Amino acid sequence: MSSHDSTFRNVSIKRVNEDSSVMEMGSGTFLVKRVIGCFTCYLQNDQKEALLNFNLDDTIEFFRNDAHCYFIHIQEDATYMVKLSNLEDNNRFYQLISVAKSKESMFTQRTELASAKQYFQFYGYLSQQQNMMQDFIRTSTYQNAMLQNYPDFQDKIVLDVGAGSGILSFFAIQAGARRVYAVEASSMAQHCDELVRKNNLSDKIIVMYGKIEEVDIPEDVDTIISEPMGYMLYNERMLESFVHARKFLKEGGNMFPTKGDLYLAPFTDEALYMEQYSKANFWYQQSFYGVDISHLREQAFEEYFKQPVVDTFDIRILTAKPIKHNANFLTVRESDFEEISIPFQFQIETTAMIHGLAFWFEVAFIGSLKTVWLSTSPTQQLTHWYQVRCLLKCPIFAKVGQVVAGRLVMKATMRQSYDMELDLGIQGSSVRSYNTLDLKNPYFRYTGIAPTPPPGTTYVSPTESYINSIVAAQQMSVPVNNQPIPDALNM
């Protein structure tokens, strides 16, 4: 057998007649041969008798009924229902169809092949699913948002976009969903299908391998669920896939989450700035093992300051109230994500050097009973999204009462991320600063340690506070009759 051939065993086939009656044709081996770019399909029974053969090209219409079953309509012939024996075979067959049909989806048009391959490989690991599932704030908020808004799920048809392990699909069933289509484009679909089977929910959760831009859902849905948020809300560009899924949403249907708010504010952090600056200074050496590497210092400086910093911080480093940019997932268009322009004005409340802008996001699940919020704010419990800070190469000094104004422009790339242009200055002056950043290449700085208060925000003597706490504790330990409590070691 040629390396270009694909074999699928234990495949059953039925013919669907014009009057919708169904005729059993038997089962056997489905062989797909590729010769000079042409795919020819043969289905034969165990006696090697041909049951069906056709060329896999644009004249053939495919419709997926569930995780393993396809309707194949052959022009001037009939419609056949082909059922594969397992999800792995379904995945291989789906890929063959995608190649043979050679039809570029919206995802393919906006994504480099290398980026997509790396992306789906990353999310195909159980360890990465575990990292997200163990984010207690994320997972519990999703479950509670669904359960507290059970009318949006009870006896409803639900679509889970980028289902991963399928955990959100299980939550939808817990909330009373009649049926859930769990669409997953990575190899995690196999694990998801196994969990569905082992939890005896194969009749309720249908795992569909593929991208939402390329699969066919056999019916319109009442509710779409997904966890499409990346760093700074927009990284990974999965929000576009989430919004694309609206083509399957019934009129009046809902989406969980329903809207997203990106917050931004100026911050001061001399330590972070000097940390990045010092990294670039490594390249200032004129005799590194006898080699002059100083000629690369400027390039290194540019590279380090192009990195958004992913970590957490004390809210007191912000020098002005945050503003927000919002997106309503029920109405926003896919094209709106191609370039995101955010003008801003900040009334400075703390005199300080401004080293850049800080970002975090919140999403709202607006249900028929309650609105539930998932927040990545630095004032809330930490999530696996943390917060993001974008540094200026040249910080600016701003005084209380001054207005810092400018614009952030995020331009989508085919690497499933954004190139960012940050331009700001002090209104009414010539003071300005500009930087470009690559959201695809962040600096992961988080340590798991709670951030320390910024210098200059301690207004009471820490030592005196410590002494007073000891005195207060001692006074509380003395009984009413002023007799000392016996030392446990001397009893």
Foldseek 3Di string as FASTA:
>chain_A
DDPQKDKAFFKWKWFQDPVRDIGGQGGGMWMWHADPLKIKIFGAHPVRHTSDIDILEQQWDWAAAFQFWIWIQHPPPGIMIMGGDANVVSLVVVVVNCSRHVDQFPLNVQADPVLVVVVLVQLLDPVVVCQQCPQCLNLVLLLCLCQLQLVLQAQWEEEEAQCRLVSSVVSSVVSHHQAYEYEHAHNSLRNNVVVCVVVVNCVHYTYHHDHLRPHHHPAATQEYEYDQAAQLRQFLNCLLSSLVNCVRHDVVGAYVQFKKKKKKFWFDDPPVLVVLLVVLCVQCDCQDVHHNSNVCSVVSSQQSLQAKEFAAADPVRGFFDIDIDMDGSNDDHSVCSQKPKDKDKTQGAAWDWGFFMKMWMKTWRDHPRDIGIRTCDSVDDHGPSHIITRGFSDIDTDHHGWMKIDMKMWHRHNSRGTKIKTKIATPPDPGITIGIHTHVHHHHDYDPDRHDDDPPPDDDDPVVVVVVVVVVVCVVQQDPVRDHDDDPVVD
